[in-house]
Amino acid sequence: MRLAGFTIALTTAALAAVAVAQTPEAGLPAGPGKDLVSAKCSTCHGLGTVLVAKRTRAQWSDTVDRMLDKGLVASDAEVDQVVDYLASALPAPVEPVAPSPAPSSTAP
């Protein structure tokens, strides 16, 4: 019985976290274009969808192009501002570069 109560509490907490992440109050990072992104992106989906995505500039550009195909209404200048904001505020993680092996010092 305790397990059932724990499962219900955990599920409720998870659903509440998702609901909070989907609201503008969850917080897009500050920056030029934030209000435009909030206004444009939230017309079709919650901002939580945007917040969890981390992409390169090219990937954000492709994403915004797909949204335009789905009905996003934005001028070319607005599209540029949205992509600029997303690329700077929600960038793709940088892949760590593996260190080069040290040269061997074998003398003949």
PDB file of N, CA and C in Angstrom:
ATOM      1  N   MET A   1       0.819  -1.194   0.000  1.00  0.00           N
ATOM      2  CA  MET A   1       0.000   0.000   0.000  1.00  0.00           C
ATOM      3  C   MET A   1       0.865   1.262   0.000  1.00  0.00           C
ATOM      4  N   ARG A   2       1.986   1.226   0.746  1.00  0.00           N
ATOM      5  CA  ARG A   2       2.889   2.380   0.772  1.00  0.00           C
ATOM      6  C   ARG A   2       3.480   2.634  -0.597  1.00  0.00           C
ATOM      7  N   LEU A   3       3.755   1.554  -1.346  1.00  0.00           N
ATOM      8  CA  LEU A   3       4.314   1.708  -2.688  1.00  0.00           C
ATOM      9  C   LEU A   3       3.324   2.405  -3.610  1.00  0.00           C
ATOM     10  N   ALA A   4       2.061   2.062  -3.502  1.00  0.00           N
ATOM     11  CA  ALA A   4       1.044   2.708  -4.338  1.00  0.00           C
ATOM     12  C   ALA A   4       0.973   4.198  -4.031  1.00  0.00           C
ATOM     13  N   GLY A   5       1.010   4.568  -2.756  1.00  0.00           N
ATOM     14  CA  GLY A   5       0.981   5.975  -2.380  1.00  0.00           C
ATOM     15  C   GLY A   5       2.201   6.721  -2.892  1.00  0.00           C
ATOM     16  N   PHE A   6       3.352   6.076  -2.791  1.00  0.00           N
ATOM     17  CA  PHE A   6       4.590   6.682  -3.280  1.00  0.00           C
ATOM     18  C   PHE A   6       4.522   6.879  -4.794  1.00  0.00           C
ATOM     19  N   THR A   7       4.006   5.879  -5.501  1.00  0.00           N
ATOM     20  CA  THR A   7       3.895   5.965  -6.959  1.00  0.00           C
ATOM     21  C   THR A   7       2.967   7.100  -7.361  1.00  0.00           C
ATOM     22  N   ILE A   8       1.856   7.248  -6.665  1.00  0.00           N
ATOM     23  CA  ILE A   8       0.920   8.338  -6.972  1.00  0.00           C
ATOM     24  C   ILE A   8       1.577   9.687  -6.702  1.00  0.00           C
ATOM     25  N   ALA A   9       2.274   9.809  -5.577  1.00  0.00           N
ATOM     26  CA  ALA A   9       2.947  11.071  -5.253  1.00  0.00           C
ATOM     27  C   ALA A   9       4.024  11.398  -6.279  1.00  0.00           C
ATOM     28  N   LEU A  10       4.789  10.410  -6.689  1.00  0.00           N
ATOM     29  CA  LEU A  10       5.846  10.622  -7.675  1.00  0.00           C
ATOM     30  C   LEU A  10       5.257  11.032  -9.021  1.00  0.00           C
ATOM     31  N   THR A  11       4.192  10.378  -9.425  1.00  0.00           N
ATOM     32  CA  THR A  11       3.535  10.713 -10.693  1.00  0.00           C
ATOM     33  C   THR A  11       2.978  12.126 -10.654  1.00  0.00           C
ATOM     34  N   THR A  12       2.355  12.493  -9.546  1.00  0.00           N
ATOM     35  CA  THR A  12       1.809  13.845  -9.397  1.00  0.00           C
ATOM     36  C   THR A  12       2.923  14.885  -9.476  1.00  0.00           C
ATOM     37  N   ALA A  13       4.025  14.631  -8.808  1.00  0.00           N
ATOM     38  CA  ALA A  13       5.158  15.570  -8.840  1.00  0.00           C
ATOM     39  C   ALA A  13       5.720  15.697 -10.250  1.00  0.00           C
ATOM     40  N   ALA A  14       5.823  14.588 -10.958  1.00  0.00           N
ATOM     41  CA  ALA A  14       6.351  14.624 -12.333  1.00  0.00           C
ATOM     42  C   ALA A  14       5.424  15.420 -13.242  1.00  0.00           C
ATOM     43  N   LEU A  15       4.127  15.208 -13.122  1.00  0.00           N
ATOM     44  CA  LEU A  15       3.174  15.952 -13.954  1.00  0.00           C
ATOM     45  C   LEU A  15       3.198  17.435 -13.626  1.00  0.00           C
ATOM     46  N   ALA A  16       3.348  17.773 -12.359  1.00  0.00           N
ATOM     47  CA  ALA A  16       3.435  19.178 -11.966  1.00  0.00           C
ATOM     48  C   ALA A  16       4.690  19.817 -12.547  1.00  0.00           C
ATOM     49  N   ALA A  17       5.803  19.089 -12.546  1.00  0.00           N
ATOM     50  CA  ALA A  17       7.058  19.612 -13.103  1.00  0.00           C
ATOM     51  C   ALA A  17       6.920  19.864 -14.595  1.00  0.00           C
ATOM     52  N   VAL A  18       6.264  18.966 -15.296  1.00  0.00           N
ATOM     53  CA  VAL A  18       6.045  19.147 -16.739  1.00  0.00           C
ATOM     54  C   VAL A  18       5.161  20.359 -16.972  1.00  0.00           C
ATOM     55  N   ALA A  19       4.112  20.515 -16.190  1.00  0.00           N
ATOM     56  CA  ALA A  19       3.209  21.655 -16.353  1.00  0.00           C
ATOM     57  C   ALA A  19       3.948  22.965 -16.125  1.00  0.00           C
ATOM     58  N   VAL A  20       4.811  23.020 -15.120  1.00  0.00           N
ATOM     59  CA  VAL A  20       5.574  24.236 -14.849  1.00  0.00           C
ATOM     60  C   VAL A  20       6.545  24.512 -15.983  1.00  0.00           C
ATOM     61  N   ALA A  21       7.198  23.477 -16.497  1.00  0.00           N
ATOM     62  CA  ALA A  21       8.166  23.659 -17.580  1.00  0.00           C
ATOM     63  C   ALA A  21       7.500  24.134 -18.853  1.00  0.00           C
ATOM     64  N   GLN A  22       6.207  23.943 -18.994  1.00  0.00           N
ATOM     65  CA  GLN A  22       5.501  24.324 -20.204  1.00  0.00           C
ATOM     66  C   GLN A  22       4.943  25.747 -20.126  1.00  0.00           C
ATOM     67  N   THR A  23       5.170  26.457 -19.041  1.00  0.00           N
ATOM     68  CA  THR A  23       4.641  27.807 -18.904  1.00  0.00           C
ATOM     69  C   THR A  23       5.740  28.830 -19.133  1.00  0.00           C
ATOM     70  N   PRO A  24       5.365  30.020 -19.605  1.00  0.00           N
ATOM     71  CA  PRO A  24       6.370  31.060 -19.814  1.00  0.00           C
ATOM     72  C   PRO A  24       7.111  31.423 -18.529  1.00  0.00           C
ATOM     73  N   GLU A  25       6.455  31.266 -17.386  1.00  0.00           N
ATOM     74  CA  GLU A  25       7.093  31.608 -16.126  1.00  0.00           C
ATOM     75  C   GLU A  25       8.287  30.705 -15.830  1.00  0.00           C
ATOM     76  N   ALA A  26       8.353  29.538 -16.500  1.00  0.00           N
ATOM     77  CA  ALA A  26       9.467  28.621 -16.273  1.00  0.00           C
ATOM     78  C   ALA A  26      10.772  29.289 -16.659  1.00  0.00           C
ATOM     79  N   GLY A  27      10.702  30.253 -17.539  1.00  0.00           N
ATOM     80  CA  GLY A  27      11.840  31.095 -17.786  1.00  0.00           C
ATOM     81  C   GLY A  27      12.738  30.784 -18.948  1.00  0.00           C
ATOM     82  N   LEU A  28      12.481  31.447 -20.045  1.00  0.00           N
ATOM     83  CA  LEU A  28      13.476  31.474 -21.106  1.00  0.00           C
ATOM     84  C   LEU A  28      14.622  32.332 -20.590  1.00  0.00           C
ATOM     85  N   PRO A  29      15.844  32.002 -20.961  1.00  0.00           N
ATOM     86  CA  PRO A  29      16.975  32.843 -20.545  1.00  0.00           C
ATOM     87  C   PRO A  29      16.812  34.270 -21.078  1.00  0.00           C
ATOM     88  N   ALA A  30      17.313  35.232 -20.343  1.00  0.00           N
ATOM     89  CA  ALA A  30      17.257  36.634 -20.761  1.00  0.00           C
ATOM     90  C   ALA A  30      18.076  36.831 -22.032  1.00  0.00           C
ATOM     91  N   GLY A  31      17.667  37.781 -22.822  1.00  0.00           N
ATOM     92  CA  GLY A  31      18.430  38.117 -24.019  1.00  0.00           C
ATOM     93  C   GLY A  31      17.555  38.757 -25.069  1.00  0.00           C
ATOM     94  N   PRO A  32      18.200  39.440 -26.024  1.00  0.00           N
ATOM     95  CA  PRO A  32      17.439  40.063 -27.103  1.00  0.00           C
ATOM     96  C   PRO A  32      16.691  38.990 -27.894  1.00  0.00           C
ATOM     97  N   GLY A  33      15.394  39.175 -28.032  1.00  0.00           N
ATOM     98  CA  GLY A  33      14.582  38.213 -28.774  1.00  0.00           C
ATOM     99  C   GLY A  33      13.759  37.309 -27.882  1.00  0.00           C
ATOM    100  N   LYS A  34      13.980  37.377 -26.576  1.00  0.00           N
ATOM    101  CA  LYS A  34      13.256  36.502 -25.651  1.00  0.00           C
ATOM    102  C   LYS A  34      11.744  36.695 -25.777  1.00  0.00           C
ATOM    103  N   ASP A  35      11.285  37.934 -25.764  1.00  0.00           N
ATOM    104  CA  ASP A  35       9.840  38.201 -25.828  1.00  0.00           C
ATOM    105  C   ASP A  35       9.258  37.731 -27.158  1.00  0.00           C
ATOM    106  N   LEU A  36      10.001  37.911 -28.231  1.00  0.00           N
ATOM    107  CA  LEU A  36       9.536  37.466 -29.539  1.00  0.00           C
ATOM    108  C   LEU A  36       9.421  35.945 -29.577  1.00  0.00           C
ATOM    109  N   VAL A  37      10.436  35.246 -29.068  1.00  0.00           N
ATOM    110  CA  VAL A  37      10.400  33.779 -29.018  1.00  0.00           C
ATOM    111  C   VAL A  37       9.224  33.325 -28.168  1.00  0.00           C
ATOM    112  N   SER A  38       9.040  33.952 -27.023  1.00  0.00           N
ATOM    113  CA  SER A  38       7.928  33.590 -26.152  1.00  0.00           C
ATOM    114  C   SER A  38       6.600  33.755 -26.879  1.00  0.00           C
ATOM    115  N   ALA A  39       6.430  34.871 -27.557  1.00  0.00           N
ATOM    116  CA  ALA A  39       5.176  35.143 -28.262  1.00  0.00           C
ATOM    117  C   ALA A  39       4.960  34.198 -29.443  1.00  0.00           C
ATOM    118  N   LYS A  40       5.980  33.995 -30.243  1.00  0.00           N
ATOM    119  CA  LYS A  40       5.828  33.191 -31.458  1.00  0.00           C
ATOM    120  C   LYS A  40       5.726  31.699 -31.151  1.00  0.00           C
ATOM    121  N   CYS A  41       6.598  31.209 -30.293  1.00  0.00           N
ATOM    122  CA  CYS A  41       6.649  29.759 -30.053  1.00  0.00           C
ATOM    123  C   CYS A  41       5.468  29.266 -29.232  1.00  0.00           C
ATOM    124  N   SER A  42       4.986  30.100 -28.321  1.00  0.00           N
ATOM    125  CA  SER A  42       3.911  29.652 -27.437  1.00  0.00           C
ATOM    126  C   SER A  42       2.544  29.658 -28.116  1.00  0.00           C
ATOM    127  N   THR A  43       2.467  30.115 -29.359  1.00  0.00           N
ATOM    128  CA  THR A  43       1.178  30.069 -30.050  1.00  0.00           C
ATOM    129  C   THR A  43       0.796  28.633 -30.411  1.00  0.00           C
ATOM    130  N   CYS A  44       1.782  27.742 -30.513  1.00  0.00           N
ATOM    131  CA  CYS A  44       1.506  26.353 -30.910  1.00  0.00           C
ATOM    132  C   CYS A  44       1.863  25.321 -29.852  1.00  0.00           C
ATOM    133  N   HIS A  45       2.800  25.635 -28.982  1.00  0.00           N
ATOM    134  CA  HIS A  45       3.215  24.667 -27.965  1.00  0.00           C
ATOM    135  C   HIS A  45       3.767  25.402 -26.753  1.00  0.00           C
ATOM    136  N   GLY A  46       3.880  24.683 -25.657  1.00  0.00           N
ATOM    137  CA  GLY A  46       4.427  25.261 -24.445  1.00  0.00           C
ATOM    138  C   GLY A  46       5.900  25.584 -24.604  1.00  0.00           C
ATOM    139  N   LEU A  47       6.357  26.538 -23.834  1.00  0.00           N
ATOM    140  CA  LEU A  47       7.769  26.923 -23.907  1.00  0.00           C
ATOM    141  C   LEU A  47       8.686  25.856 -23.344  1.00  0.00           C
ATOM    142  N   GLY A  48       8.143  24.929 -22.575  1.00  0.00           N
ATOM    143  CA  GLY A  48       8.945  23.807 -22.095  1.00  0.00           C
ATOM    144  C   GLY A  48       9.527  23.015 -23.247  1.00  0.00           C
ATOM    145  N   THR A  49       8.794  22.948 -24.339  1.00  0.00           N
ATOM    146  CA  THR A  49       9.281  22.267 -25.542  1.00  0.00           C
ATOM    147  C   THR A  49      10.538  22.935 -26.063  1.00  0.00           C
ATOM    148  N   VAL A  50      10.565  24.255 -25.995  1.00  0.00           N
ATOM    149  CA  VAL A  50      11.730  25.016 -26.465  1.00  0.00           C
ATOM    150  C   VAL A  50      12.878  24.901 -25.468  1.00  0.00           C
ATOM    151  N   LEU A  51      12.552  25.006 -24.190  1.00  0.00           N
ATOM    152  CA  LEU A  51      13.585  25.025 -23.149  1.00  0.00           C
ATOM    153  C   LEU A  51      14.412  23.750 -23.085  1.00  0.00           C
ATOM    154  N   VAL A  52      13.824  22.618 -23.412  1.00  0.00           N
ATOM    155  CA  VAL A  52      14.568  21.362 -23.317  1.00  0.00           C
ATOM    156  C   VAL A  52      15.444  21.115 -24.539  1.00  0.00           C
ATOM    157  N   ALA A  53      15.227  21.863 -25.599  1.00  0.00           N
ATOM    158  CA  ALA A  53      16.003  21.665 -26.827  1.00  0.00           C
ATOM    159  C   ALA A  53      17.302  22.460 -26.755  1.00  0.00           C
ATOM    160  N   LYS A  54      18.371  21.842 -27.156  1.00  0.00           N
ATOM    161  CA  LYS A  54      19.677  22.504 -27.260  1.00  0.00           C
ATOM    162  C   LYS A  54      20.195  22.174 -28.651  1.00  0.00           C
ATOM    163  N   ARG A  55      20.412  23.204 -29.446  1.00  0.00           N
ATOM    164  CA  ARG A  55      20.775  22.968 -30.842  1.00  0.00           C
ATOM    165  C   ARG A  55      21.827  23.967 -31.316  1.00  0.00           C
ATOM    166  N   THR A  56      22.476  23.603 -32.406  1.00  0.00           N
ATOM    167  CA  THR A  56      23.404  24.529 -33.064  1.00  0.00           C
ATOM    168  C   THR A  56      22.577  25.576 -33.802  1.00  0.00           C
ATOM    169  N   ARG A  57      23.223  26.631 -34.240  1.00  0.00           N
ATOM    170  CA  ARG A  57      22.528  27.668 -35.017  1.00  0.00           C
ATOM    171  C   ARG A  57      21.855  27.050 -36.247  1.00  0.00           C
ATOM    172  N   ALA A  58      22.555  26.187 -36.952  1.00  0.00           N
ATOM    173  CA  ALA A  58      21.978  25.560 -38.153  1.00  0.00           C
ATOM    174  C   ALA A  58      20.764  24.706 -37.791  1.00  0.00           C
ATOM    175  N   GLN A  59      20.846  23.987 -36.682  1.00  0.00           N
ATOM    176  CA  GLN A  59      19.718  23.166 -36.256  1.00  0.00           C
ATOM    177  C   GLN A  59      18.528  24.032 -35.842  1.00  0.00           C
ATOM    178  N   TRP A  60      18.784  25.138 -35.143  1.00  0.00           N
ATOM    179  CA  TRP A  60      17.693  26.041 -34.785  1.00  0.00           C
ATOM    180  C   TRP A  60      17.068  26.633 -36.051  1.00  0.00           C
ATOM    181  N   SER A  61      17.887  26.986 -37.009  1.00  0.00           N
ATOM    182  CA  SER A  61      17.367  27.529 -38.263  1.00  0.00           C
ATOM    183  C   SER A  61      16.463  26.512 -38.954  1.00  0.00           C
ATOM    184  N   ASP A  62      16.900  25.257 -39.006  1.00  0.00           N
ATOM    185  CA  ASP A  62      16.075  24.192 -39.598  1.00  0.00           C
ATOM    186  C   ASP A  62      14.765  24.022 -38.824  1.00  0.00           C
ATOM    187  N   THR A  63      14.852  24.089 -37.499  1.00  0.00           N
ATOM    188  CA  THR A  63      13.655  23.939 -36.657  1.00  0.00           C
ATOM    189  C   THR A  63      12.658  25.059 -36.931  1.00  0.00           C
ATOM    190  N   VAL A  64      13.146  26.280 -36.991  1.00  0.00           N
ATOM    191  CA  VAL A  64      12.262  27.416 -37.256  1.00  0.00           C
ATOM    192  C   VAL A  64      11.669  27.293 -38.665  1.00  0.00           C
ATOM    193  N   ASP A  65      12.448  26.840 -39.628  1.00  0.00           N
ATOM    194  CA  ASP A  65      11.915  26.614 -40.986  1.00  0.00           C
ATOM    195  C   ASP A  65      10.774  25.598 -40.957  1.00  0.00           C
ATOM    196  N   ARG A  66      10.941  24.527 -40.162  1.00  0.00           N
ATOM    197  CA  ARG A  66       9.869  23.527 -40.038  1.00  0.00           C
ATOM    198  C   ARG A  66       8.625  24.145 -39.407  1.00  0.00           C
ATOM    199  N   MET A  67       8.840  25.014 -38.432  1.00  0.00           N
ATOM    200  CA  MET A  67       7.694  25.672 -37.789  1.00  0.00           C
ATOM    201  C   MET A  67       6.977  26.596 -38.781  1.00  0.00           C
ATOM    202  N   LEU A  68       7.744  27.249 -39.644  1.00  0.00           N
ATOM    203  CA  LEU A  68       7.133  28.078 -40.691  1.00  0.00           C
ATOM    204  C   LEU A  68       6.273  27.218 -41.609  1.00  0.00           C
ATOM    205  N   ASP A  69       6.770  26.025 -41.950  1.00  0.00           N
ATOM    206  CA  ASP A  69       6.000  25.102 -42.781  1.00  0.00           C
ATOM    207  C   ASP A  69       4.714  24.655 -42.090  1.00  0.00           C
ATOM    208  N   LYS A  70       4.732  24.660 -40.747  1.00  0.00           N
ATOM    209  CA  LYS A  70       3.564  24.223 -39.973  1.00  0.00           C
ATOM    210  C   LYS A  70       2.607  25.375 -39.655  1.00  0.00           C
ATOM    211  N   GLY A  71       2.951  26.583 -40.089  1.00  0.00           N
ATOM    212  CA  GLY A  71       2.017  27.697 -39.901  1.00  0.00           C
ATOM    213  C   GLY A  71       2.509  28.864 -39.075  1.00  0.00           C
ATOM    214  N   LEU A  72       3.753  28.826 -38.594  1.00  0.00           N
ATOM    215  CA  LEU A  72       4.285  29.975 -37.866  1.00  0.00           C
ATOM    216  C   LEU A  72       4.256  31.195 -38.780  1.00  0.00           C
ATOM    217  N   VAL A  73       3.739  32.293 -38.256  1.00  0.00           N
ATOM    218  CA  VAL A  73       3.709  33.538 -39.015  1.00  0.00           C
ATOM    219  C   VAL A  73       4.785  34.452 -38.448  1.00  0.00           C
ATOM    220  N   ALA A  74       5.800  34.735 -39.269  1.00  0.00           N
ATOM    221  CA  ALA A  74       6.910  35.593 -38.833  1.00  0.00           C
ATOM    222  C   ALA A  74       7.580  36.182 -40.063  1.00  0.00           C
ATOM    223  N   SER A  75       7.980  37.435 -39.948  1.00  0.00           N
ATOM    224  CA  SER A  75       8.720  38.080 -41.037  1.00  0.00           C
ATOM    225  C   SER A  75      10.139  37.525 -41.081  1.00  0.00           C
ATOM    226  N   ASP A  76      10.849  37.811 -42.159  1.00  0.00           N
ATOM    227  CA  ASP A  76      12.243  37.373 -42.267  1.00  0.00           C
ATOM    228  C   ASP A  76      13.078  37.938 -41.123  1.00  0.00           C
ATOM    229  N   ALA A  77      12.832  39.208 -40.767  1.00  0.00           N
ATOM    230  CA  ALA A  77      13.586  39.830 -39.669  1.00  0.00           C
ATOM    231  C   ALA A  77      13.266  39.133 -38.345  1.00  0.00           C
ATOM    232  N   GLU A  78      12.003  38.759 -38.132  1.00  0.00           N
ATOM    233  CA  GLU A  78      11.635  38.055 -36.905  1.00  0.00           C
ATOM    234  C   GLU A  78      12.262  36.665 -36.859  1.00  0.00           C
ATOM    235  N   VAL A  79      12.284  35.989 -37.993  1.00  0.00           N
ATOM    236  CA  VAL A  79      12.905  34.657 -38.056  1.00  0.00           C
ATOM    237  C   VAL A  79      14.381  34.773 -37.682  1.00  0.00           C
ATOM    238  N   ASP A  80      15.063  35.759 -38.245  1.00  0.00           N
ATOM    239  CA  ASP A  80      16.484  35.959 -37.924  1.00  0.00           C
ATOM    240  C   ASP A  80      16.667  36.217 -36.426  1.00  0.00           C
ATOM    241  N   GLN A  81      15.803  37.033 -35.849  1.00  0.00           N
ATOM    242  CA  GLN A  81      15.913  37.352 -34.422  1.00  0.00           C
ATOM    243  C   GLN A  81      15.630  36.117 -33.570  1.00  0.00           C
ATOM    244  N   VAL A  82      14.635  35.315 -33.953  1.00  0.00           N
ATOM    245  CA  VAL A  82      14.318  34.098 -33.213  1.00  0.00           C
ATOM    246  C   VAL A  82      15.495  33.129 -33.263  1.00  0.00           C
ATOM    247  N   VAL A  83      16.060  32.915 -34.444  1.00  0.00           N
ATOM    248  CA  VAL A  83      17.193  31.989 -34.581  1.00  0.00           C
ATOM    249  C   VAL A  83      18.394  32.511 -33.797  1.00  0.00           C
ATOM    250  N   ASP A  84      18.664  33.809 -33.883  1.00  0.00           N
ATOM    251  CA  ASP A  84      19.782  34.389 -33.131  1.00  0.00           C
ATOM    252  C   ASP A  84      19.605  34.152 -31.631  1.00  0.00           C
ATOM    253  N   TYR A  85      18.389  34.414 -31.138  1.00  0.00           N
ATOM    254  CA  TYR A  85      18.129  34.228 -29.711  1.00  0.00           C
ATOM    255  C   TYR A  85      18.299  32.768 -29.313  1.00  0.00           C
ATOM    256  N   LEU A  86      17.648  31.863 -30.035  1.00  0.00           N
ATOM    257  CA  LEU A  86      17.700  30.449 -29.676  1.00  0.00           C
ATOM    258  C   LEU A  86      19.122  29.901 -29.725  1.00  0.00           C
ATOM    259  N   ALA A  87      19.878  30.311 -30.737  1.00  0.00           N
ATOM    260  CA  ALA A  87      21.255  29.818 -30.872  1.00  0.00           C
ATOM    261  C   ALA A  87      22.141  30.307 -29.737  1.00  0.00           C
ATOM    262  N   SER A  88      21.879  31.522 -29.234  1.00  0.00           N
ATOM    263  CA  SER A  88      22.716  32.029 -28.150  1.00  0.00           C
ATOM    264  C   SER A  88      22.187  31.611 -26.776  1.00  0.00           C
ATOM    265  N   ALA A  89      20.865  31.534 -26.614  1.00  0.00           N
ATOM    266  CA  ALA A  89      20.288  31.223 -25.307  1.00  0.00           C
ATOM    267  C   ALA A  89      20.203  29.728 -25.025  1.00  0.00           C
ATOM    268  N   LEU A  90      20.041  28.924 -26.068  1.00  0.00           N
ATOM    269  CA  LEU A  90      19.877  27.479 -25.908  1.00  0.00           C
ATOM    270  C   LEU A  90      20.792  26.733 -26.884  1.00  0.00           C
ATOM    271  N   PRO A  91      22.101  26.926 -26.733  1.00  0.00           N
ATOM    272  CA  PRO A  91      23.044  26.319 -27.684  1.00  0.00           C
ATOM    273  C   PRO A  91      23.216  24.820 -27.445  1.00  0.00           C
ATOM    274  N   ALA A  92      23.652  24.144 -28.482  1.00  0.00           N
ATOM    275  CA  ALA A  92      23.980  22.719 -28.365  1.00  0.00           C
ATOM    276  C   ALA A  92      25.170  22.563 -27.436  1.00  0.00           C
ATOM    277  N   PRO A  93      25.175  21.494 -26.652  1.00  0.00           N
ATOM    278  CA  PRO A  93      26.342  21.262 -25.793  1.00  0.00           C
ATOM    279  C   PRO A  93      27.599  21.087 -26.642  1.00  0.00           C
ATOM    280  N   VAL A  94      28.678  21.593 -26.139  1.00  0.00           N
ATOM    281  CA  VAL A  94      29.949  21.469 -26.848  1.00  0.00           C
ATOM    282  C   VAL A  94      30.525  20.091 -26.540  1.00  0.00           C
ATOM    283  N   GLU A  95      30.854  19.380 -27.585  1.00  0.00           N
ATOM    284  CA  GLU A  95      31.454  18.055 -27.417  1.00  0.00           C
ATOM    285  C   GLU A  95      32.896  18.232 -26.944  1.00  0.00           C
ATOM    286  N   PRO A  96      33.277  17.536 -25.890  1.00  0.00           N
ATOM    287  CA  PRO A  96      34.668  17.652 -25.438  1.00  0.00           C
ATOM    288  C   PRO A  96      35.616  17.062 -26.485  1.00  0.00           C
ATOM    289  N   VAL A  97      36.724  17.711 -26.634  1.00  0.00           N
ATOM    290  CA  VAL A  97      37.743  17.239 -27.581  1.00  0.00           C
ATOM    291  C   VAL A  97      38.711  16.343 -26.824  1.00  0.00           C
ATOM    292  N   ALA A  98      38.880  15.148 -27.347  1.00  0.00           N
ATOM    293  CA  ALA A  98      39.803  14.209 -26.704  1.00  0.00           C
ATOM    294  C   ALA A  98      41.228  14.721 -26.872  1.00  0.00           C
ATOM    295  N   PRO A  99      42.016  14.663 -25.818  1.00  0.00           N
ATOM    296  CA  PRO A  99      43.397  15.133 -25.933  1.00  0.00           C
ATOM    297  C   PRO A  99      44.188  14.231 -26.881  1.00  0.00           C
ATOM    298  N   SER A 100      45.096  14.843 -27.584  1.00  0.00           N
ATOM    299  CA  SER A 100      45.969  14.079 -28.478  1.00  0.00           C
ATOM    300  C   SER A 100      46.926  13.237 -27.648  1.00  0.00           C
ATOM    301  N   PRO A 101      47.230  12.044 -28.109  1.00  0.00           N
ATOM    302  CA  PRO A 101      48.193  11.247 -27.358  1.00  0.00           C
ATOM    303  C   PRO A 101      49.559  11.920 -27.354  1.00  0.00           C
ATOM    304  N   ALA A 102      50.252  11.779 -26.263  1.00  0.00           N
ATOM    305  CA  ALA A 102      51.593  12.374 -26.152  1.00  0.00           C
ATOM    306  C   ALA A 102      52.531  11.631 -27.106  1.00  0.00           C
ATOM    307  N   PRO A 103      53.422  12.390 -27.764  1.00  0.00           N
ATOM    308  CA  PRO A 103      54.361  11.705 -28.660  1.00  0.00           C
ATOM    309  C   PRO A 103      55.268  10.777 -27.867  1.00  0.00           C
ATOM    310  N   SER A 104      55.526   9.648 -28.467  1.00  0.00           N
ATOM    311  CA  SER A 104      56.415   8.704 -27.768  1.00  0.00           C
ATOM    312  C   SER A 104      57.849   9.185 -27.922  1.00  0.00           C
ATOM    313  N   SER A 105      58.604   8.939 -26.912  1.00  0.00           N
ATOM    314  CA  SER A 105      59.993   9.394 -26.944  1.00  0.00           C
ATOM    315  C   SER A 105      60.917   8.178 -26.953  1.00  0.00           C
ATOM    316  N   THR A 106      60.845   7.469 -28.045  1.00  0.00           N
ATOM    317  CA  THR A 106      61.741   6.327 -28.194  1.00  0.00           C
ATOM    318  C   THR A 106      62.905   6.737 -29.067  1.00  0.00           C
ATOM    319  N   ALA A 107      64.083   6.671 -28.508  1.00  0.00           N
ATOM    320  CA  ALA A 107      65.284   7.052 -29.265  1.00  0.00           C
ATOM    321  C   ALA A 107      65.922   5.775 -29.818  1.00  0.00           C
ATOM    322  N   PRO A 108      66.453   5.823 -31.071  1.00  0.00           N
ATOM    323  CA  PRO A 108      67.093   4.648 -31.640  1.00  0.00           C
ATOM    324  C   PRO A 108      68.405   4.311 -31.008  1.00  0.00           C
TER     325      PRO A 108
END
